[in-house]
C-alpha atoms as a PDB file:
ATOM      1  CA  UNK A   1      32.983  32.073  15.628  1.00  0.00           C
ATOM      2  CA  UNK A   2      32.466  35.117  17.844  1.00  0.00           C
ATOM      3  CA  UNK A   3      36.106  36.032  17.287  1.00  0.00           C
ATOM      4  CA  UNK A   4      35.606  36.020  13.506  1.00  0.00           C
ATOM      5  CA  UNK A   5      32.487  38.156  13.840  1.00  0.00           C
ATOM      6  CA  UNK A   6      34.297  40.570  16.112  1.00  0.00           C
ATOM      7  CA  UNK A   7      37.073  40.953  13.523  1.00  0.00           C
ATOM      8  CA  UNK A   8      34.501  41.502  10.761  1.00  0.00           C
ATOM      9  CA  UNK A   9      32.832  44.204  12.826  1.00  0.00           C
ATOM     10  CA  UNK A  10      36.183  45.873  13.384  1.00  0.00           C
ATOM     11  CA  UNK A  11      36.838  45.869   9.629  1.00  0.00           C
ATOM     12  CA  UNK A  12      33.460  47.441   8.942  1.00  0.00           C
ATOM     13  CA  UNK A  13      34.136  50.003  11.625  1.00  0.00           C
ATOM     14  CA  UNK A  14      37.426  50.866   9.922  1.00  0.00           C
ATOM     15  CA  UNK A  15      35.683  51.270   6.563  1.00  0.00           C
ATOM     16  CA  UNK A  16      33.081  53.524   8.120  1.00  0.00           C
ATOM     17  CA  UNK A  17      35.553  55.646  10.071  1.00  0.00           C
ATOM     18  CA  UNK A  18      38.256  55.939   7.404  1.00  0.00           C
ATOM     19  CA  UNK A  19      35.846  56.795   4.628  1.00  0.00           C
ATOM     20  CA  UNK A  20      34.013  59.333   6.760  1.00  0.00           C
ATOM     21  CA  UNK A  21      37.365  61.076   7.208  1.00  0.00           C
ATOM     22  CA  UNK A  22      37.870  60.828   3.411  1.00  0.00           C
ATOM     23  CA  UNK A  23      41.190  59.029   3.860  1.00  0.00           C
ATOM     24  CA  UNK A  24      41.115  57.145   0.568  1.00  0.00           C
ATOM     25  CA  UNK A  25      44.456  55.431   1.065  1.00  0.00           C
ATOM     26  CA  UNK A  26      43.504  54.018   4.432  1.00  0.00           C
ATOM     27  CA  UNK A  27      40.237  52.654   3.033  1.00  0.00           C
ATOM     28  CA  UNK A  28      42.151  49.997   1.096  1.00  0.00           C
ATOM     29  CA  UNK A  29      44.930  49.329   3.576  1.00  0.00           C
ATOM     30  CA  UNK A  30      44.867  46.048   5.405  1.00  0.00           C
ATOM     31  CA  UNK A  31      43.439  46.399   8.915  1.00  0.00           C
ATOM     32  CA  UNK A  32      46.194  44.095  10.145  1.00  0.00           C
ATOM     33  CA  UNK A  33      48.773  46.711   9.216  1.00  0.00           C
ATOM     34  CA  UNK A  34      47.463  49.087  11.871  1.00  0.00           C
ATOM     35  CA  UNK A  35      48.261  48.878  15.531  1.00  0.00           C
ATOM     36  CA  UNK A  36      45.796  46.992  17.710  1.00  0.00           C
ATOM     37  CA  UNK A  37      45.431  49.898  20.108  1.00  0.00           C
ATOM     38  CA  UNK A  38      44.520  52.265  17.251  1.00  0.00           C
ATOM     39  CA  UNK A  39      42.028  49.734  15.882  1.00  0.00           C
ATOM     40  CA  UNK A  40      40.420  49.393  19.286  1.00  0.00           C
ATOM     41  CA  UNK A  41      40.076  53.161  19.686  1.00  0.00           C
ATOM     42  CA  UNK A  42      38.396  53.571  16.300  1.00  0.00           C
ATOM     43  CA  UNK A  43      36.252  50.520  16.870  1.00  0.00           C
ATOM     44  CA  UNK A  44      34.973  51.858  20.144  1.00  0.00           C
ATOM     45  CA  UNK A  45      34.319  55.247  18.552  1.00  0.00           C
ATOM     46  CA  UNK A  46      32.300  53.894  15.624  1.00  0.00           C
ATOM     47  CA  UNK A  47      30.476  50.863  16.966  1.00  0.00           C
ATOM     48  CA  UNK A  48      30.807  51.094  20.722  1.00  0.00           C
ATOM     49  CA  UNK A  49      31.029  47.691  22.408  1.00  0.00           C
ATOM     50  CA  UNK A  50      31.236  44.472  20.329  1.00  0.00           C
ATOM     51  CA  UNK A  51      27.574  43.699  20.873  1.00  0.00           C
ATOM     52  CA  UNK A  52      26.235  47.225  20.980  1.00  0.00           C
ATOM     53  CA  UNK A  53      23.114  48.440  19.251  1.00  0.00           C
ATOM     54  CA  UNK A  54      24.719  51.013  16.966  1.00  0.00           C
ATOM     55  CA  UNK A  55      25.472  49.017  13.819  1.00  0.00           C
ATOM     56  CA  UNK A  56      24.294  51.582  11.274  1.00  0.00           C
ATOM     57  CA  UNK A  57      27.008  52.303   8.712  1.00  0.00           C
ATOM     58  CA  UNK A  58      25.648  55.619   7.538  1.00  0.00           C
ATOM     59  CA  UNK A  59      25.124  56.348   3.845  1.00  0.00           C
ATOM     60  CA  UNK A  60      26.897  59.675   3.979  1.00  0.00           C
ATOM     61  CA  UNK A  61      30.109  58.038   5.157  1.00  0.00           C
ATOM     62  CA  UNK A  62      30.162  55.623   2.240  1.00  0.00           C
ATOM     63  CA  UNK A  63      29.581  58.359  -0.322  1.00  0.00           C
ATOM     64  CA  UNK A  64      32.964  59.919   0.362  1.00  0.00           C
ATOM     65  CA  UNK A  65      34.785  56.846  -0.894  1.00  0.00           C
ATOM     66  CA  UNK A  66      36.644  57.015  -4.196  1.00  0.00           C
ATOM     67  CA  UNK A  67      35.531  54.465  -6.849  1.00  0.00           C
ATOM     68  CA  UNK A  68      38.970  52.943  -7.314  1.00  0.00           C
ATOM     69  CA  UNK A  69      39.369  52.325  -3.581  1.00  0.00           C
ATOM     70  CA  UNK A  70      36.961  49.414  -3.292  1.00  0.00           C
ATOM     71  CA  UNK A  71      37.757  47.829   0.083  1.00  0.00           C
ATOM     72  CA  UNK A  72      38.723  44.168  -0.035  1.00  0.00           C
ATOM     73  CA  UNK A  73      37.623  43.922   3.581  1.00  0.00           C
ATOM     74  CA  UNK A  74      33.989  44.314   2.536  1.00  0.00           C
ATOM     75  CA  UNK A  75      34.208  41.231   0.343  1.00  0.00           C
ATOM     76  CA  UNK A  76      35.818  39.255   3.139  1.00  0.00           C
ATOM     77  CA  UNK A  77      33.093  40.307   5.559  1.00  0.00           C
ATOM     78  CA  UNK A  78      30.367  39.136   3.187  1.00  0.00           C
ATOM     79  CA  UNK A  79      32.042  35.759   2.796  1.00  0.00           C
ATOM     80  CA  UNK A  80      32.289  35.474   6.579  1.00  0.00           C
ATOM     81  CA  UNK A  81      28.564  36.172   6.984  1.00  0.00           C
ATOM     82  CA  UNK A  82      27.740  32.938   5.168  1.00  0.00           C
ATOM     83  CA  UNK A  83      29.049  30.953   8.158  1.00  0.00           C
ATOM     84  CA  UNK A  84      26.438  32.127  10.652  1.00  0.00           C
ATOM     85  CA  UNK A  85      23.215  30.063  10.911  1.00  0.00           C
ATOM     86  CA  UNK A  86      21.245  32.951  12.402  1.00  0.00           C
ATOM     87  CA  UNK A  87      21.391  34.823   9.090  1.00  0.00           C
ATOM     88  CA  UNK A  88      19.262  34.160   5.991  1.00  0.00           C
ATOM     89  CA  UNK A  89      18.069  31.748   4.828  1.00  0.00           C
ATOM     90  CA  UNK A  90      17.983  29.673   8.046  1.00  0.00           C
ATOM     91  CA  UNK A  91      17.288  32.433  10.625  1.00  0.00           C
ATOM     92  CA  UNK A  92      18.220  30.213  13.578  1.00  0.00           C
ATOM     93  CA  UNK A  93      17.610  31.937  16.904  1.00  0.00           C
ATOM     94  CA  UNK A  94      21.103  31.867  18.356  1.00  0.00           C
ATOM     95  CA  UNK A  95      22.042  33.947  21.451  1.00  0.00           C
ATOM     96  CA  UNK A  96      23.530  36.708  19.282  1.00  0.00           C
ATOM     97  CA  UNK A  97      21.055  36.458  16.390  1.00  0.00           C
ATOM     98  CA  UNK A  98      19.719  40.002  16.773  1.00  0.00           C
ATOM     99  CA  UNK A  99      23.175  41.548  16.755  1.00  0.00           C
ATOM    100  CA  UNK A 100      24.221  39.450  13.764  1.00  0.00           C
ATOM    101  CA  UNK A 101      21.155  40.438  11.771  1.00  0.00           C
ATOM    102  CA  UNK A 102      21.721  44.130  12.464  1.00  0.00           C
ATOM    103  CA  UNK A 103      25.386  43.856  11.558  1.00  0.00           C
ATOM    104  CA  UNK A 104      24.729  41.925   8.324  1.00  0.00           C
ATOM    105  CA  UNK A 105      22.070  44.446   7.298  1.00  0.00           C
ATOM    106  CA  UNK A 106      24.558  47.269   7.833  1.00  0.00           C
ATOM    107  CA  UNK A 107      27.111  45.447   5.663  1.00  0.00           C
ATOM    108  CA  UNK A 108      24.705  45.132   2.750  1.00  0.00           C
ATOM    109  CA  UNK A 109      23.563  48.725   3.118  1.00  0.00           C
ATOM    110  CA  UNK A 110      27.208  49.710   2.875  1.00  0.00           C
ATOM    111  CA  UNK A 111      27.605  47.548  -0.250  1.00  0.00           C
ATOM    112  CA  UNK A 112      24.476  48.940  -1.953  1.00  0.00           C
ATOM    113  CA  UNK A 113      25.504  52.573  -1.577  1.00  0.00           C
ATOM    114  CA  UNK A 114      29.069  51.818  -2.571  1.00  0.00           C
ATOM    115  CA  UNK A 115      27.843  50.098  -5.756  1.00  0.00           C
ATOM    116  CA  UNK A 116      25.764  53.134  -6.666  1.00  0.00           C
ATOM    117  CA  UNK A 117      28.655  55.500  -5.966  1.00  0.00           C
ATOM    118  CA  UNK A 118      30.802  53.363  -8.293  1.00  0.00           C
ATOM    119  CA  UNK A 119      27.957  53.389 -10.872  1.00  0.00           C
ATOM    120  CA  UNK A 120      28.014  49.594 -10.986  1.00  0.00           C
ATOM    121  CA  UNK A 121      24.370  48.838 -11.734  1.00  0.00           C
ATOM    122  CA  UNK A 122      24.767  45.057 -11.761  1.00  0.00           C
ATOM    123  CA  UNK A 123      26.435  45.044  -8.350  1.00  0.00           C
ATOM    124  CA  UNK A 124      23.747  47.403  -7.045  1.00  0.00           C
ATOM    125  CA  UNK A 125      20.980  45.020  -8.080  1.00  0.00           C
ATOM    126  CA  UNK A 126      22.740  42.002  -6.574  1.00  0.00           C
ATOM    127  CA  UNK A 127      23.399  43.758  -3.282  1.00  0.00           C
ATOM    128  CA  UNK A 128      19.876  45.146  -3.116  1.00  0.00           C
ATOM    129  CA  UNK A 129      18.320  41.700  -3.584  1.00  0.00           C
ATOM    130  CA  UNK A 130      20.312  40.448  -0.602  1.00  0.00           C
ATOM    131  CA  UNK A 131      19.501  43.528   1.447  1.00  0.00           C
ATOM    132  CA  UNK A 132      15.754  43.252   0.820  1.00  0.00           C
ATOM    133  CA  UNK A 133      15.742  39.942   2.689  1.00  0.00           C
ATOM    134  CA  UNK A 134      16.738  41.817   5.844  1.00  0.00           C
ATOM    135  CA  UNK A 135      14.142  44.517   5.232  1.00  0.00           C
ATOM    136  CA  UNK A 136      11.244  42.131   4.583  1.00  0.00           C
ATOM    137  CA  UNK A 137      11.970  38.923   6.498  1.00  0.00           C
ATOM    138  CA  UNK A 138      13.351  40.381   9.727  1.00  0.00           C
ATOM    139  CA  UNK A 139      10.464  42.693  10.588  1.00  0.00           C
ATOM    140  CA  UNK A 140       9.673  42.203  14.258  1.00  0.00           C
ATOM    141  CA  UNK A 141      13.070  40.604  14.857  1.00  0.00           C
ATOM    142  CA  UNK A 142      15.271  43.715  14.711  1.00  0.00           C
ATOM    143  CA  UNK A 143      14.480  47.443  14.748  1.00  0.00           C
ATOM    144  CA  UNK A 144      13.896  49.093  11.342  1.00  0.00           C
ATOM    145  CA  UNK A 145      16.923  50.621   9.682  1.00  0.00           C
ATOM    146  CA  UNK A 146      16.915  54.421   9.293  1.00  0.00           C
ATOM    147  CA  UNK A 147      18.423  53.907   5.825  1.00  0.00           C
ATOM    148  CA  UNK A 148      15.712  51.525   4.577  1.00  0.00           C
ATOM    149  CA  UNK A 149      13.469  54.024   2.779  1.00  0.00           C
ATOM    150  CA  UNK A 150      16.351  56.162   1.476  1.00  0.00           C
ATOM    151  CA  UNK A 151      17.832  53.042  -0.131  1.00  0.00           C
ATOM    152  CA  UNK A 152      14.495  51.816  -1.495  1.00  0.00           C
ATOM    153  CA  UNK A 153      13.844  55.311  -2.826  1.00  0.00           C
ATOM    154  CA  UNK A 154      17.275  55.234  -4.435  1.00  0.00           C
ATOM    155  CA  UNK A 155      16.284  52.028  -6.194  1.00  0.00           C
ATOM    156  CA  UNK A 156      13.114  53.703  -7.492  1.00  0.00           C
ATOM    157  CA  UNK A 157      15.206  56.585  -8.776  1.00  0.00           C
ATOM    158  CA  UNK A 158      17.532  54.149 -10.530  1.00  0.00           C
ATOM    159  CA  UNK A 159      14.649  52.384 -12.268  1.00  0.00           C
ATOM    160  CA  UNK A 160      13.236  55.731 -13.337  1.00  0.00           C
ATOM    161  CA  UNK A 161      16.613  56.864 -14.659  1.00  0.00           C
ATOM    162  CA  UNK A 162      16.881  53.659 -16.703  1.00  0.00           C
ATOM    163  CA  UNK A 163      13.341  54.203 -18.041  1.00  0.00           C
ATOM    164  CA  UNK A 164      12.142  50.937 -16.491  1.00  0.00           C
ATOM    165  CA  UNK A 165       8.720  52.300 -15.627  1.00  0.00           C
ATOM    166  CA  UNK A 166       6.947  48.946 -15.248  1.00  0.00           C
ATOM    167  CA  UNK A 167       9.523  47.762 -12.712  1.00  0.00           C
ATOM    168  CA  UNK A 168       9.281  51.129 -10.953  1.00  0.00           C
ATOM    169  CA  UNK A 169       5.564  50.586 -10.308  1.00  0.00           C
ATOM    170  CA  UNK A 170       6.122  46.956  -9.327  1.00  0.00           C
ATOM    171  CA  UNK A 171       8.602  48.016  -6.635  1.00  0.00           C
ATOM    172  CA  UNK A 172       6.270  50.798  -5.544  1.00  0.00           C
ATOM    173  CA  UNK A 173       3.406  48.351  -5.047  1.00  0.00           C
ATOM    174  CA  UNK A 174       5.569  46.257  -2.722  1.00  0.00           C
ATOM    175  CA  UNK A 175       6.028  49.132  -0.278  1.00  0.00           C
ATOM    176  CA  UNK A 176       3.641  49.617   2.653  1.00  0.00           C
ATOM    177  CA  UNK A 177       1.224  52.523   2.413  1.00  0.00           C
ATOM    178  CA  UNK A 178       3.030  54.433   5.128  1.00  0.00           C
ATOM    179  CA  UNK A 179       6.213  54.450   3.058  1.00  0.00           C
ATOM    180  CA  UNK A 180       4.594  56.695   0.453  1.00  0.00           C
ATOM    181  CA  UNK A 181       4.763  59.579   2.909  1.00  0.00           C
ATOM    182  CA  UNK A 182       8.505  59.239   3.435  1.00  0.00           C
ATOM    183  CA  UNK A 183      10.338  62.166   1.757  1.00  0.00           C
ATOM    184  CA  UNK A 184      12.629  59.874  -0.274  1.00  0.00           C
ATOM    185  CA  UNK A 185       9.803  57.704  -1.638  1.00  0.00           C
ATOM    186  CA  UNK A 186       7.570  60.710  -2.218  1.00  0.00           C
ATOM    187  CA  UNK A 187      10.339  62.458  -4.145  1.00  0.00           C
ATOM    188  CA  UNK A 188      10.775  59.473  -6.479  1.00  0.00           C
ATOM    189  CA  UNK A 189       7.015  59.242  -7.090  1.00  0.00           C
ATOM    190  CA  UNK A 190       6.744  62.943  -7.902  1.00  0.00           C
ATOM    191  CA  UNK A 191       9.640  62.701 -10.347  1.00  0.00           C
ATOM    192  CA  UNK A 192       7.988  59.737 -12.063  1.00  0.00           C
ATOM    193  CA  UNK A 193       4.783  61.737 -12.452  1.00  0.00           C
ATOM    194  CA  UNK A 194       6.712  64.632 -13.984  1.00  0.00           C
ATOM    195  CA  UNK A 195       8.516  62.191 -16.263  1.00  0.00           C
ATOM    196  CA  UNK A 196       5.228  60.740 -17.514  1.00  0.00           C
ATOM    197  CA  UNK A 197       3.734  64.203 -18.003  1.00  0.00           C
ATOM    198  CA  UNK A 198       6.761  65.331 -19.975  1.00  0.00           C
ATOM    199  CA  UNK A 199       7.497  68.255 -17.662  1.00  0.00           C
ATOM    200  CA  UNK A 200      11.223  67.781 -18.059  1.00  0.00           C
ATOM    201  CA  UNK A 201      12.108  71.243 -16.798  1.00  0.00           C
ATOM    202  CA  UNK A 202      10.699  70.311 -13.415  1.00  0.00           C
ATOM    203  CA  UNK A 203      12.889  67.227 -13.366  1.00  0.00           C
ATOM    204  CA  UNK A 204      16.011  69.246 -14.075  1.00  0.00           C
ATOM    205  CA  UNK A 205      15.135  71.946 -11.542  1.00  0.00           C
ATOM    206  CA  UNK A 206      14.517  69.334  -8.842  1.00  0.00           C
ATOM    207  CA  UNK A 207      18.080  68.056  -9.141  1.00  0.00           C
ATOM    208  CA  UNK A 208      19.152  70.598  -6.541  1.00  0.00           C
ATOM    209  CA  UNK A 209      16.388  69.631  -4.096  1.00  0.00           C
ATOM    210  CA  UNK A 210      17.125  65.940  -3.585  1.00  0.00           C
ATOM    211  CA  UNK A 211      15.956  64.669  -0.180  1.00  0.00           C
ATOM    212  CA  UNK A 212      19.048  62.571   0.358  1.00  0.00           C
ATOM    213  CA  UNK A 213      22.689  63.031  -0.574  1.00  0.00           C
ATOM    214  CA  UNK A 214      22.988  59.619  -2.227  1.00  0.00           C
ATOM    215  CA  UNK A 215      20.422  60.619  -4.880  1.00  0.00           C
ATOM    216  CA  UNK A 216      22.833  63.003  -6.554  1.00  0.00           C
ATOM    217  CA  UNK A 217      24.660  60.070  -8.094  1.00  0.00           C
ATOM    218  CA  UNK A 218      21.589  58.818  -9.933  1.00  0.00           C
ATOM    219  CA  UNK A 219      20.352  62.256 -11.006  1.00  0.00           C
ATOM    220  CA  UNK A 220      23.072  62.461 -13.661  1.00  0.00           C
ATOM    221  CA  UNK A 221      21.793  59.226 -15.180  1.00  0.00           C
ATOM    222  CA  UNK A 222      18.240  60.573 -15.028  1.00  0.00           C
ATOM    223  CA  UNK A 223      19.319  63.723 -16.857  1.00  0.00           C
ATOM    224  CA  UNK A 224      20.753  61.586 -19.664  1.00  0.00           C
ATOM    225  CA  UNK A 225      17.501  59.633 -19.917  1.00  0.00           C
ATOM    226  CA  UNK A 226      15.498  62.867 -20.081  1.00  0.00           C
ATOM    227  CA  UNK A 227      17.783  64.228 -22.781  1.00  0.00           C
ATOM    228  CA  UNK A 228      17.354  61.075 -24.872  1.00  0.00           C
ATOM    229  CA  UNK A 229      13.557  61.254 -24.502  1.00  0.00           C
ATOM    230  CA  UNK A 230      13.528  64.887 -25.594  1.00  0.00           C
ATOM    231  CA  UNK A 231      15.814  64.071 -28.515  1.00  0.00           C
ATOM    232  CA  UNK A 232      13.486  61.298 -29.690  1.00  0.00           C
ATOM    233  CA  UNK A 233      10.456  63.597 -29.460  1.00  0.00           C
ATOM    234  CA  UNK A 234      12.266  66.373 -31.315  1.00  0.00           C
ATOM    235  CA  UNK A 235      13.248  64.011 -34.102  1.00  0.00           C
ATOM    236  CA  UNK A 236       9.630  63.036 -34.654  1.00  0.00           C
ATOM    237  CA  UNK A 237       8.060  66.484 -34.186  1.00  0.00           C
ATOM    238  CA  UNK A 238      10.387  68.607 -36.357  1.00  0.00           C
ATOM    239  CA  UNK A 239      12.105  68.339 -39.693  1.00  0.00           C
ATOM    240  CA  UNK A 240      14.877  70.607 -38.501  1.00  0.00           C
ATOM    241  CA  UNK A 241      15.784  73.028 -35.709  1.00  0.00           C
ATOM    242  CA  UNK A 242      18.302  75.845 -35.433  1.00  0.00           C
ATOM    243  CA  UNK A 243      21.381  74.801 -33.510  1.00  0.00           C
ATOM    244  CA  UNK A 244      20.659  77.351 -30.752  1.00  0.00           C
ATOM    245  CA  UNK A 245      17.120  76.041 -30.274  1.00  0.00           C
ATOM    246  CA  UNK A 246      18.258  72.423 -30.226  1.00  0.00           C
ATOM    247  CA  UNK A 247      20.974  73.320 -27.740  1.00  0.00           C
ATOM    248  CA  UNK A 248      18.473  74.999 -25.426  1.00  0.00           C
ATOM    249  CA  UNK A 249      15.930  72.209 -25.759  1.00  0.00           C
ATOM    250  CA  UNK A 250      18.464  69.522 -24.910  1.00  0.00           C
ATOM    251  CA  UNK A 251      19.911  71.575 -22.053  1.00  0.00           C
ATOM    252  CA  UNK A 252      23.421  72.060 -23.411  1.00  0.00           C
ATOM    253  CA  UNK A 253      25.477  75.117 -22.605  1.00  0.00           C
ATOM    254  CA  UNK A 254      27.547  75.208 -25.800  1.00  0.00           C
ATOM    255  CA  UNK A 255      27.463  74.199 -29.457  1.00  0.00           C
ATOM    256  CA  UNK A 256      30.366  71.841 -28.866  1.00  0.00           C
ATOM    257  CA  UNK A 257      28.398  69.834 -26.307  1.00  0.00           C
ATOM    258  CA  UNK A 258      25.518  69.491 -28.756  1.00  0.00           C
ATOM    259  CA  UNK A 259      27.800  68.343 -31.568  1.00  0.00           C
ATOM    260  CA  UNK A 260      29.466  65.788 -29.301  1.00  0.00           C
ATOM    261  CA  UNK A 261      26.067  64.469 -28.240  1.00  0.00           C
ATOM    262  CA  UNK A 262      24.969  64.118 -31.867  1.00  0.00           C
ATOM    263  CA  UNK A 263      28.152  62.305 -32.856  1.00  0.00           C
ATOM    264  CA  UNK A 264      27.938  59.925 -29.881  1.00  0.00           C
ATOM    265  CA  UNK A 265      24.192  59.300 -29.452  1.00  0.00           C
ATOM    266  CA  UNK A 266      22.267  60.548 -32.504  1.00  0.00           C
ATOM    267  CA  UNK A 267      23.989  59.150 -35.566  1.00  0.00           C
ATOM    268  CA  UNK A 268      20.966  59.804 -37.789  1.00  0.00           C
ATOM    269  CA  UNK A 269      21.025  63.557 -37.194  1.00  0.00           C
ATOM    270  CA  UNK A 270      22.890  65.947 -39.449  1.00  0.00           C
ATOM    271  CA  UNK A 271      24.106  69.497 -38.905  1.00  0.00           C
ATOM    272  CA  UNK A 272      24.146  71.781 -41.925  1.00  0.00           C
ATOM    273  CA  UNK A 273      24.148  75.580 -42.121  1.00  0.00           C
ATOM    274  CA  UNK A 274      23.544  75.954 -38.380  1.00  0.00           C
ATOM    275  CA  UNK A 275      20.523  73.657 -38.607  1.00  0.00           C
ATOM    276  CA  UNK A 276      20.009  70.240 -37.028  1.00  0.00           C
ATOM    277  CA  UNK A 277      18.283  67.997 -39.600  1.00  0.00           C
ATOM    278  CA  UNK A 278      16.118  65.140 -38.373  1.00  0.00           C
ATOM    279  CA  UNK A 279      14.944  63.660 -41.672  1.00  0.00           C
ATOM    280  CA  UNK A 280      17.020  60.490 -41.237  1.00  0.00           C
ATOM    281  CA  UNK A 281      15.514  59.890 -37.773  1.00  0.00           C
ATOM    282  CA  UNK A 282      11.894  59.866 -38.938  1.00  0.00           C
ATOM    283  CA  UNK A 283      10.029  56.625 -38.382  1.00  0.00           C
ATOM    284  CA  UNK A 284       9.538  54.745 -41.605  1.00  0.00           C
ATOM    285  CA  UNK A 285       5.979  53.669 -42.501  1.00  0.00           C
ATOM    286  CA  UNK A 286       5.355  50.044 -41.685  1.00  0.00           C
ATOM    287  CA  UNK A 287       3.937  47.587 -44.179  1.00  0.00           C
ATOM    288  CA  UNK A 288       1.685  44.997 -42.592  1.00  0.00           C
ATOM    289  CA  UNK A 289      -1.891  43.898 -42.016  1.00  0.00           C
ATOM    290  CA  UNK A 290      -4.459  46.623 -42.625  1.00  0.00           C
ATOM    291  CA  UNK A 291      -5.819  47.794 -39.296  1.00  0.00           C
ATOM    292  CA  UNK A 292      -9.409  47.938 -40.563  1.00  0.00           C
ATOM    293  CA  UNK A 293      -9.372  44.282 -41.581  1.00  0.00           C
ATOM    294  CA  UNK A 294      -7.825  43.282 -38.269  1.00  0.00           C
ATOM    295  CA  UNK A 295     -10.449  45.188 -36.259  1.00  0.00           C
ATOM    296  CA  UNK A 296     -13.249  43.703 -38.337  1.00  0.00           C
ATOM    297  CA  UNK A 297     -11.946  40.189 -37.774  1.00  0.00           C
ATOM    298  CA  UNK A 298     -11.624  40.760 -34.006  1.00  0.00           C
ATOM    299  CA  UNK A 299     -15.217  42.030 -33.797  1.00  0.00           C
ATOM    300  CA  UNK A 300     -16.461  38.949 -35.640  1.00  0.00           C
ATOM    301  CA  UNK A 301     -14.640  36.699 -33.175  1.00  0.00           C
ATOM    302  CA  UNK A 302     -16.136  38.616 -30.246  1.00  0.00           C
ATOM    303  CA  UNK A 303     -19.652  38.324 -31.690  1.00  0.00           C
ATOM    304  CA  UNK A 304     -19.295  34.575 -32.244  1.00  0.00           C
ATOM    305  CA  UNK A 305     -17.924  34.101 -28.741  1.00  0.00           C
ATOM    306  CA  UNK A 306     -20.868  36.018 -27.284  1.00  0.00           C
ATOM    307  CA  UNK A 307     -23.314  33.750 -29.139  1.00  0.00           C
ATOM    308  CA  UNK A 308     -21.624  30.650 -27.756  1.00  0.00           C
ATOM    309  CA  UNK A 309     -21.783  31.947 -24.210  1.00  0.00           C
END
């Protein structure tokens, strides 16, 4: 079993080293195709000895990978991890349990960042669920990961970009109080506050001041969410806008970009005589129970309930 783990660690070392050098072709090549002496040299350079303490993959190294070069080795490593009883959910205290836990955590950190770089949201959520087990259930067993709060902050940014505000606050409540002072968590919280206040210019300006390199991948998605929110507000607040004003408001640099956005995302808008018409996007009045009657009935129920009590 130690031999299989050693081979898995060598594969992860290759992924880390090759991708940090931005050698996309070598990221997908089979490790067996390389010479053993070369593998050993890279392995020693990246991880040190087979049971060393330096198992951190490094987010920056993963970010240089190209989306179409998804390493098959990573999948094989994750399958191999299911064979070790010292890993979740059993957590058996074997002689090499600490090293295994650190290595498995590094694997899932690698997978989470790779999923975000590939913009695969479903894979990101699956990998993050597995990674959280190592963050929450191994406290006191292994040292904290330096990438823990950057990755959890990245998850907050993703929820914000998808406009899943309730889930954003749920995840925020699960963090310890000390985490709120971490630059990555603090950055996500400040962006959420700006999002709720509607200060969208601040959100756009802060794109260049991200606290971690991995956040740049989710900022594009956040910009699209902001643009959609501004478009919805514009459609309800105005009957029409000049094309130049609409272009500036939605942060486009040309008329062509605005027209493409309207044709792809805002099918109810029309452009006539250099004006963007919103009349088709107006909310239609709803026909239903009169609010006054509903309020009156609720007050009667409350009064009767109070008398019973």
